[in-house]
Every structure is written in C-alpha cells, then in structure tokens.
Amino acid sequence: MAPAAGHPPPGTRRTAGETEPCKSEGAVMRLRGTARWARGERGERVSRYARWAQVEHSEATRIATLTLLAGPIFLGLLPSLVAGVGPRVDRRLGLPAVRHGSVNRVLGGILTVLGFSLGLWSVDTQLTRGRGTPLPVMPTQELLTEGPFRYCRNPMTLGTILAYLGLAVARGTIAGTVLVLTLAASLLVYLKRLEEGELAERFGGAYLAYKRETPFIIPRLPGRR
C-alpha cells in the first residue's frame, strides 16, 4: 500500500527537507545534530568552515599566517597576561602569592616545557601531515590520527593548558591560574560544541571511529586500548 501523500516512506524520516534512514548509527546522528544546531544558530560560521576546508594553502602561506595571527597571541599576549599581569592582579586584590621556593620553579618549568613541546609537535603535525593549521580559516586537509593525535584527539589544547598552567605555577599567581582555567574551559566548550560536529561533517565515519578509539584530551598510554 502506498504511503499517504506528505508522509515519508516506512523506515525513513525526514530532516531539513530530505529523507534519511532511521537505522543511522546513534553517534552519527548525535554529531550531525550538533552540526545542525550550529547551522541553526551559527549557520554562517559552519558554512564558512566548509568553504575554508575546500582550499589548500601552500606551506609558506600556512606558516606565515600562523606566525602573524597565532604567534603574537599564544606566544606573546597570553603568557604575558598569566606571568606578568597575574601577579599584579593578585597584589591589587590582596591575594597571597602561592610560593614554595624551588617547588614552583621546578614544577612550573616541567609543565611549561612539556606543554609547549606538545603544542609545537601538534602544530608541526598539522602543518606537515595535515596540510593545514590549527586556525579554522586554514583547517587540515586530512584527518590526523598519528603523531601526538595517536594519544588524544586534542593534544594542542592539552599542551596549551599545561604550558600556561606551568607559567602560573612558576609565578605562584592565583589570578594567573584562574585565567588559565577560564581559557581551558572556553577551549573545551568550543571543541565539544562546534569543532567535533564540523569534523564529523568533513570526515564522516573515519572521524567517528577515531573518536570512539581515542580519548578526548587525557592521553592514552602507548600500548593501551
């Protein structure tokens, strides 16, 4: 018996003017739902992602763009705010300095070196293997699952958080630590609410399989599944 006019055939449901199988994998639907939410309230931004991803820029252009746009912010402004402005804000607010002699310098130094090393490794992998950058305007052309991306899906974000937290610990600044934690929360929300949906749209099942097998930000030790 033919379905009534205006109703989709059995076994399908209609979304945004098209028909798709009801048996779609749950993870696919959730991530596509995230992308649809982004299109609904931030439609221009998501459509720009799709357009930006269609253009592959030369390595020289990618490096120049990172150096001019990201470098001054992530290697200049933010470290200065954490390590320089943070202690002054502490004094202005009457907050105590959290200092324990060489413990601050050693622990802070370890976190900073580890964080910047992980961040630079991630950026280099995006530039070379991914043929892109961390910037949304020049996204990677390939789904990265090697290098630091073997251990977690967002190693650059992890490195950024560790590096800035190390600076705050080394300076013993409460305000600087609050700034780092605020930045970390903002980055994690961005990754979950927007970037994951965009990656699912661009790379489909390959990204979903990678997402299932690889931790979000806490690294998996080598050899562990």
C-alpha atoms as a PDB file:
ATOM      1  CA  MET A   1       0.000   0.000   0.000  1.00  0.00           C
ATOM      2  CA  ALA A   2       1.499   3.382  -0.981  1.00  0.00           C
ATOM      3  CA  PRO A   3       2.196   5.835   1.818  1.00  0.00           C
ATOM      4  CA  ALA A   4      -0.182   8.752   2.238  1.00  0.00           C
ATOM      5  CA  ALA A   5       0.739  11.947   0.468  1.00  0.00           C
ATOM      6  CA  GLY A   6       3.009  14.203   2.502  1.00  0.00           C
ATOM      7  CA  HIS A   7       4.336  11.326   4.631  1.00  0.00           C
ATOM      8  CA  PRO A   8       7.773   9.705   4.242  1.00  0.00           C
ATOM      9  CA  PRO A   9       8.019   6.009   3.296  1.00  0.00           C
ATOM     10  CA  PRO A  10       8.192   3.472   6.126  1.00  0.00           C
ATOM     11  CA  GLY A  11      11.660   3.081   7.642  1.00  0.00           C
ATOM     12  CA  THR A  12      12.708   6.656   6.901  1.00  0.00           C
ATOM     13  CA  ARG A  13      12.346  10.036   8.496  1.00  0.00           C
ATOM     14  CA  ARG A  14      12.626  13.476   7.038  1.00  0.00           C
ATOM     15  CA  THR A  15      15.021  16.132   8.280  1.00  0.00           C
ATOM     16  CA  ALA A  16      15.626  19.543   6.742  1.00  0.00           C
ATOM     17  CA  GLY A  17      13.853  18.673   3.501  1.00  0.00           C
ATOM     18  CA  GLU A  18      15.463  15.286   2.872  1.00  0.00           C
ATOM     19  CA  THR A  19      14.857  11.651   3.734  1.00  0.00           C
ATOM     20  CA  GLU A  20      17.392   9.517   5.598  1.00  0.00           C
ATOM     21  CA  PRO A  21      17.318   6.013   7.076  1.00  0.00           C
ATOM     22  CA  CYS A  22      16.015   5.569  10.607  1.00  0.00           C
ATOM     23  CA  LYS A  23      18.741   2.994  11.277  1.00  0.00           C
ATOM     24  CA  SER A  24      21.556   5.553  11.154  1.00  0.00           C
ATOM     25  CA  GLU A  25      24.163   4.997  13.795  1.00  0.00           C
ATOM     26  CA  GLY A  26      23.428   6.829  17.047  1.00  0.00           C
ATOM     27  CA  ALA A  27      26.828   8.508  17.217  1.00  0.00           C
ATOM     28  CA  VAL A  28      26.442   9.816  13.674  1.00  0.00           C
ATOM     29  CA  MET A  29      23.072  11.299  14.489  1.00  0.00           C
ATOM     30  CA  ARG A  30      24.329  12.968  17.656  1.00  0.00           C
ATOM     31  CA  LEU A  31      27.278  14.587  15.932  1.00  0.00           C
ATOM     32  CA  ARG A  32      25.218  15.595  12.922  1.00  0.00           C
ATOM     33  CA  GLY A  33      22.706  17.015  15.374  1.00  0.00           C
ATOM     34  CA  THR A  34      25.495  19.117  16.846  1.00  0.00           C
ATOM     35  CA  ALA A  35      26.354  20.355  13.365  1.00  0.00           C
ATOM     36  CA  ARG A  36      22.687  21.131  12.628  1.00  0.00           C
ATOM     37  CA  TRP A  37      22.442  23.053  15.911  1.00  0.00           C
ATOM     38  CA  ALA A  38      25.486  25.029  14.864  1.00  0.00           C
ATOM     39  CA  ARG A  39      23.975  25.665  11.435  1.00  0.00           C
ATOM     40  CA  GLY A  40      20.731  26.782  13.018  1.00  0.00           C
ATOM     41  CA  GLU A  41      22.182  29.327  15.415  1.00  0.00           C
ATOM     42  CA  ARG A  42      25.584  29.880  13.812  1.00  0.00           C
ATOM     43  CA  GLY A  43      24.831  28.985  10.252  1.00  0.00           C
ATOM     44  CA  GLU A  44      27.318  31.375   8.677  1.00  0.00           C
ATOM     45  CA  ARG A  45      30.183  30.104  10.812  1.00  0.00           C
ATOM     46  CA  VAL A  46      29.688  26.438   9.944  1.00  0.00           C
ATOM     47  CA  SER A  47      29.234  27.179   6.237  1.00  0.00           C
ATOM     48  CA  ARG A  48      32.492  29.106   6.362  1.00  0.00           C
ATOM     49  CA  TYR A  49      34.208  26.050   7.835  1.00  0.00           C
ATOM     50  CA  ALA A  50      33.078  24.003   4.854  1.00  0.00           C
ATOM     51  CA  ARG A  51      34.280  26.639   2.388  1.00  0.00           C
ATOM     52  CA  TRP A  52      37.598  27.152   4.152  1.00  0.00           C
ATOM     53  CA  ALA A  53      38.289  23.412   4.121  1.00  0.00           C
ATOM     54  CA  GLN A  54      37.968  23.309   0.338  1.00  0.00           C
ATOM     55  CA  VAL A  55      41.074  25.459  -0.140  1.00  0.00           C
ATOM     56  CA  GLU A  56      44.535  24.019   0.432  1.00  0.00           C
ATOM     57  CA  HIS A  57      47.142  26.703   1.055  1.00  0.00           C
ATOM     58  CA  SER A  58      50.860  26.415   0.435  1.00  0.00           C
ATOM     59  CA  GLU A  59      53.136  25.571   3.345  1.00  0.00           C
ATOM     60  CA  ALA A  60      54.701  29.036   3.195  1.00  0.00           C
ATOM     61  CA  THR A  61      51.259  30.654   3.469  1.00  0.00           C
ATOM     62  CA  ARG A  62      50.305  28.430   6.382  1.00  0.00           C
ATOM     63  CA  ILE A  63      53.482  29.220   8.293  1.00  0.00           C
ATOM     64  CA  ALA A  64      53.195  32.960   7.616  1.00  0.00           C
ATOM     65  CA  THR A  65      49.560  33.034   8.743  1.00  0.00           C
ATOM     66  CA  LEU A  66      50.334  31.168  11.955  1.00  0.00           C
ATOM     67  CA  THR A  67      53.298  33.414  12.662  1.00  0.00           C
ATOM     68  CA  LEU A  68      51.334  36.625  12.124  1.00  0.00           C
ATOM     69  CA  LEU A  69      47.995  35.663  13.698  1.00  0.00           C
ATOM     70  CA  ALA A  70      48.534  32.958  16.296  1.00  0.00           C
ATOM     71  CA  GLY A  71      52.115  33.663  17.356  1.00  0.00           C
ATOM     72  CA  PRO A  72      51.595  37.113  18.933  1.00  0.00           C
ATOM     73  CA  ILE A  73      48.541  35.878  20.858  1.00  0.00           C
ATOM     74  CA  PHE A  74      49.575  32.435  22.076  1.00  0.00           C
ATOM     75  CA  LEU A  75      53.311  33.060  22.445  1.00  0.00           C
ATOM     76  CA  GLY A  76      53.193  36.712  23.446  1.00  0.00           C
ATOM     77  CA  LEU A  77      49.955  38.116  24.830  1.00  0.00           C
ATOM     78  CA  LEU A  78      48.631  35.178  26.828  1.00  0.00           C
ATOM     79  CA  PRO A  79      51.936  34.251  28.524  1.00  0.00           C
ATOM     80  CA  SER A  80      52.385  37.920  29.450  1.00  0.00           C
ATOM     81  CA  LEU A  81      48.915  38.051  30.975  1.00  0.00           C
ATOM     82  CA  VAL A  82      49.487  34.900  33.017  1.00  0.00           C
ATOM     83  CA  ALA A  83      53.037  35.518  34.221  1.00  0.00           C
ATOM     84  CA  GLY A  84      53.149  39.323  34.191  1.00  0.00           C
ATOM     85  CA  VAL A  85      49.670  40.694  34.818  1.00  0.00           C
ATOM     86  CA  GLY A  86      48.577  37.810  37.054  1.00  0.00           C
ATOM     87  CA  PRO A  87      50.869  38.677  39.998  1.00  0.00           C
ATOM     88  CA  ARG A  88      49.925  42.366  39.769  1.00  0.00           C
ATOM     89  CA  VAL A  89      46.227  41.481  39.918  1.00  0.00           C
ATOM     90  CA  ASP A  90      46.966  39.314  42.968  1.00  0.00           C
ATOM     91  CA  ARG A  91      48.562  42.264  44.728  1.00  0.00           C
ATOM     92  CA  ARG A  92      45.741  44.596  43.729  1.00  0.00           C
ATOM     93  CA  LEU A  93      43.139  42.156  45.108  1.00  0.00           C
ATOM     94  CA  GLY A  94      45.166  41.290  48.191  1.00  0.00           C
ATOM     95  CA  LEU A  95      45.577  37.647  47.165  1.00  0.00           C
ATOM     96  CA  PRO A  96      48.533  35.755  48.637  1.00  0.00           C
ATOM     97  CA  ALA A  97      51.335  34.517  46.419  1.00  0.00           C
ATOM     98  CA  VAL A  98      51.401  30.717  46.342  1.00  0.00           C
ATOM     99  CA  ARG A  99      55.137  30.179  46.514  1.00  0.00           C
ATOM    100  CA  HIS A 100      57.079  27.229  47.898  1.00  0.00           C
ATOM    101  CA  GLY A 101      60.644  28.022  46.966  1.00  0.00           C
ATOM    102  CA  SER A 102      62.141  25.870  44.253  1.00  0.00           C
ATOM    103  CA  VAL A 103      58.981  23.737  44.015  1.00  0.00           C
ATOM    104  CA  ASN A 104      57.265  26.457  41.991  1.00  0.00           C
ATOM    105  CA  ARG A 105      60.161  26.825  39.591  1.00  0.00           C
ATOM    106  CA  VAL A 106      60.731  23.102  39.083  1.00  0.00           C
ATOM    107  CA  LEU A 107      57.077  22.076  38.756  1.00  0.00           C
ATOM    108  CA  GLY A 108      56.197  25.148  36.702  1.00  0.00           C
ATOM    109  CA  GLY A 109      59.206  24.627  34.454  1.00  0.00           C
ATOM    110  CA  ILE A 110      58.316  20.982  33.809  1.00  0.00           C
ATOM    111  CA  LEU A 111      54.709  21.832  32.937  1.00  0.00           C
ATOM    112  CA  THR A 112      55.738  24.718  30.701  1.00  0.00           C
ATOM    113  CA  VAL A 113      58.348  22.758  28.746  1.00  0.00           C
ATOM    114  CA  LEU A 114      56.061  19.733  28.417  1.00  0.00           C
ATOM    115  CA  GLY A 115      53.137  21.887  27.327  1.00  0.00           C
ATOM    116  CA  PHE A 116      54.980  23.951  24.738  1.00  0.00           C
ATOM    117  CA  SER A 117      56.695  20.830  23.376  1.00  0.00           C
ATOM    118  CA  LEU A 118      53.378  19.038  22.960  1.00  0.00           C
ATOM    119  CA  GLY A 119      51.796  22.123  21.416  1.00  0.00           C
ATOM    120  CA  LEU A 120      54.614  22.636  18.900  1.00  0.00           C
ATOM    121  CA  TRP A 121      54.594  18.931  17.996  1.00  0.00           C
ATOM    122  CA  SER A 122      50.866  19.161  17.328  1.00  0.00           C
ATOM    123  CA  VAL A 123      51.219  22.296  15.197  1.00  0.00           C
ATOM    124  CA  ASP A 124      54.047  20.750  13.185  1.00  0.00           C
ATOM    125  CA  THR A 125      51.908  17.649  12.549  1.00  0.00           C
ATOM    126  CA  GLN A 126      49.033  19.815  11.366  1.00  0.00           C
ATOM    127  CA  LEU A 127      51.316  21.801   9.058  1.00  0.00           C
ATOM    128  CA  THR A 128      53.060  18.807   7.501  1.00  0.00           C
ATOM    129  CA  ARG A 129      50.884  15.689   7.628  1.00  0.00           C
ATOM    130  CA  GLY A 130      47.568  17.507   7.802  1.00  0.00           C
ATOM    131  CA  ARG A 131      48.495  20.191   5.251  1.00  0.00           C
ATOM    132  CA  GLY A 132      46.646  22.770   7.326  1.00  0.00           C
ATOM    133  CA  THR A 133      46.856  24.739  10.558  1.00  0.00           C
ATOM    134  CA  PRO A 134      45.089  24.895  13.935  1.00  0.00           C
ATOM    135  CA  LEU A 135      43.286  28.004  12.676  1.00  0.00           C
ATOM    136  CA  PRO A 136      39.683  27.492  11.482  1.00  0.00           C
ATOM    137  CA  VAL A 137      40.407  29.570   8.362  1.00  0.00           C
ATOM    138  CA  MET A 138      43.061  27.040   7.296  1.00  0.00           C
ATOM    139  CA  PRO A 139      41.908  23.661   8.612  1.00  0.00           C
ATOM    140  CA  THR A 140      43.776  20.441   7.961  1.00  0.00           C
ATOM    141  CA  GLN A 141      43.058  18.627   4.719  1.00  0.00           C
ATOM    142  CA  GLU A 142      43.490  15.205   6.329  1.00  0.00           C
ATOM    143  CA  LEU A 143      42.101  13.600   9.477  1.00  0.00           C
ATOM    144  CA  LEU A 144      45.084  13.391  11.813  1.00  0.00           C
ATOM    145  CA  THR A 145      45.418  10.164  13.781  1.00  0.00           C
ATOM    146  CA  GLU A 146      49.211   9.902  14.027  1.00  0.00           C
ATOM    147  CA  GLY A 147      51.907  11.742  15.957  1.00  0.00           C
ATOM    148  CA  PRO A 148      50.504  13.319  19.130  1.00  0.00           C
ATOM    149  CA  PHE A 149      46.985  12.689  17.816  1.00  0.00           C
ATOM    150  CA  ARG A 150      47.510   8.969  18.471  1.00  0.00           C
ATOM    151  CA  TYR A 151      47.250   9.584  22.207  1.00  0.00           C
ATOM    152  CA  CYS A 152      44.377  12.059  22.420  1.00  0.00           C
ATOM    153  CA  ARG A 153      42.198  13.964  19.968  1.00  0.00           C
ATOM    154  CA  ASN A 154      43.224  17.429  21.148  1.00  0.00           C
ATOM    155  CA  PRO A 155      46.933  17.396  22.022  1.00  0.00           C
ATOM    156  CA  MET A 156      47.471  21.042  21.089  1.00  0.00           C
ATOM    157  CA  THR A 157      44.790  22.165  23.518  1.00  0.00           C
ATOM    158  CA  LEU A 158      46.303  19.957  26.211  1.00  0.00           C
ATOM    159  CA  GLY A 159      49.740  21.415  25.527  1.00  0.00           C
ATOM    160  CA  THR A 160      48.393  24.969  25.674  1.00  0.00           C
ATOM    161  CA  ILE A 161      46.729  24.373  29.030  1.00  0.00           C
ATOM    162  CA  LEU A 162      49.828  22.703  30.514  1.00  0.00           C
ATOM    163  CA  ALA A 163      52.186  25.430  29.276  1.00  0.00           C
ATOM    164  CA  TYR A 164      50.156  28.324  30.663  1.00  0.00           C
ATOM    165  CA  LEU A 165      49.425  26.474  33.885  1.00  0.00           C
ATOM    166  CA  GLY A 166      53.166  25.944  34.272  1.00  0.00           C
ATOM    167  CA  LEU A 167      53.759  29.689  33.944  1.00  0.00           C
ATOM    168  CA  ALA A 168      51.112  30.386  36.584  1.00  0.00           C
ATOM    169  CA  VAL A 169      52.618  27.810  38.961  1.00  0.00           C
ATOM    170  CA  ALA A 170      56.130  29.145  38.452  1.00  0.00           C
ATOM    171  CA  ARG A 171      54.937  32.653  39.334  1.00  0.00           C
ATOM    172  CA  GLY A 172      52.701  31.443  42.157  1.00  0.00           C
ATOM    173  CA  THR A 173      49.827  33.582  40.926  1.00  0.00           C
ATOM    174  CA  ILE A 174      46.205  32.846  41.805  1.00  0.00           C
ATOM    175  CA  ALA A 175      44.806  35.309  39.263  1.00  0.00           C
ATOM    176  CA  GLY A 176      47.007  33.811  36.563  1.00  0.00           C
ATOM    177  CA  THR A 177      45.784  30.326  37.432  1.00  0.00           C
ATOM    178  CA  VAL A 178      42.158  31.462  37.239  1.00  0.00           C
ATOM    179  CA  LEU A 179      42.859  32.976  33.827  1.00  0.00           C
ATOM    180  CA  VAL A 180      44.354  29.683  32.595  1.00  0.00           C
ATOM    181  CA  LEU A 181      41.411  27.652  33.891  1.00  0.00           C
ATOM    182  CA  THR A 182      38.961  30.077  32.241  1.00  0.00           C
ATOM    183  CA  LEU A 183      40.805  29.771  28.945  1.00  0.00           C
ATOM    184  CA  ALA A 184      40.845  25.979  29.296  1.00  0.00           C
ATOM    185  CA  ALA A 185      37.096  25.831  29.899  1.00  0.00           C
ATOM    186  CA  SER A 186      36.437  28.039  26.855  1.00  0.00           C
ATOM    187  CA  LEU A 187      38.606  25.886  24.609  1.00  0.00           C
ATOM    188  CA  LEU A 188      36.961  22.658  25.768  1.00  0.00           C
ATOM    189  CA  VAL A 189      33.466  24.045  25.188  1.00  0.00           C
ATOM    190  CA  TYR A 190      34.484  25.161  21.687  1.00  0.00           C
ATOM    191  CA  LEU A 191      35.889  21.728  20.880  1.00  0.00           C
ATOM    192  CA  LYS A 192      32.816  19.858  22.083  1.00  0.00           C
ATOM    193  CA  ARG A 193      30.099  22.197  20.832  1.00  0.00           C
ATOM    194  CA  LEU A 194      31.472  23.170  17.431  1.00  0.00           C
ATOM    195  CA  GLU A 195      34.671  21.522  16.246  1.00  0.00           C
ATOM    196  CA  GLU A 196      33.573  17.916  16.792  1.00  0.00           C
ATOM    197  CA  GLY A 197      30.447  18.440  14.694  1.00  0.00           C
ATOM    198  CA  GLU A 198      32.472  20.105  11.951  1.00  0.00           C
ATOM    199  CA  LEU A 199      34.982  17.235  11.884  1.00  0.00           C
ATOM    200  CA  ALA A 200      32.167  14.688  11.725  1.00  0.00           C
ATOM    201  CA  GLU A 201      30.704  16.527   8.723  1.00  0.00           C
ATOM    202  CA  ARG A 202      34.023  16.655   6.894  1.00  0.00           C
ATOM    203  CA  PHE A 203      35.450  13.216   7.673  1.00  0.00           C
ATOM    204  CA  GLY A 204      32.326  11.164   8.430  1.00  0.00           C
ATOM    205  CA  GLY A 205      32.789   7.583   9.607  1.00  0.00           C
ATOM    206  CA  ALA A 206      36.586   7.845   9.754  1.00  0.00           C
ATOM    207  CA  TYR A 207      36.307  10.566  12.387  1.00  0.00           C
ATOM    208  CA  LEU A 208      33.629   8.688  14.328  1.00  0.00           C
ATOM    209  CA  ALA A 209      35.847   5.593  14.504  1.00  0.00           C
ATOM    210  CA  TYR A 210      38.788   7.742  15.627  1.00  0.00           C
ATOM    211  CA  LYS A 211      36.577   9.439  18.211  1.00  0.00           C
ATOM    212  CA  ARG A 212      35.495   6.104  19.664  1.00  0.00           C
ATOM    213  CA  GLU A 213      39.042   4.786  19.924  1.00  0.00           C
ATOM    214  CA  THR A 214      40.931   7.889  21.094  1.00  0.00           C
ATOM    215  CA  PRO A 215      40.464   9.880  24.333  1.00  0.00           C
ATOM    216  CA  PHE A 216      39.221  13.455  24.142  1.00  0.00           C
ATOM    217  CA  ILE A 217      42.113  15.183  25.942  1.00  0.00           C
ATOM    218  CA  ILE A 218      43.614  12.928  28.642  1.00  0.00           C
ATOM    219  CA  PRO A 219      46.254  10.931  26.716  1.00  0.00           C
ATOM    220  CA  ARG A 220      46.133   7.166  26.436  1.00  0.00           C
ATOM    221  CA  LEU A 221      49.423   5.498  27.306  1.00  0.00           C
ATOM    222  CA  PRO A 222      51.165   3.686  24.435  1.00  0.00           C
ATOM    223  CA  GLY A 223      50.012   0.088  24.090  1.00  0.00           C
ATOM    224  CA  ARG A 224      46.745   0.630  25.990  1.00  0.00           C
ATOM    225  CA  ARG A 225      43.387   0.425  24.236  1.00  0.00           C
END
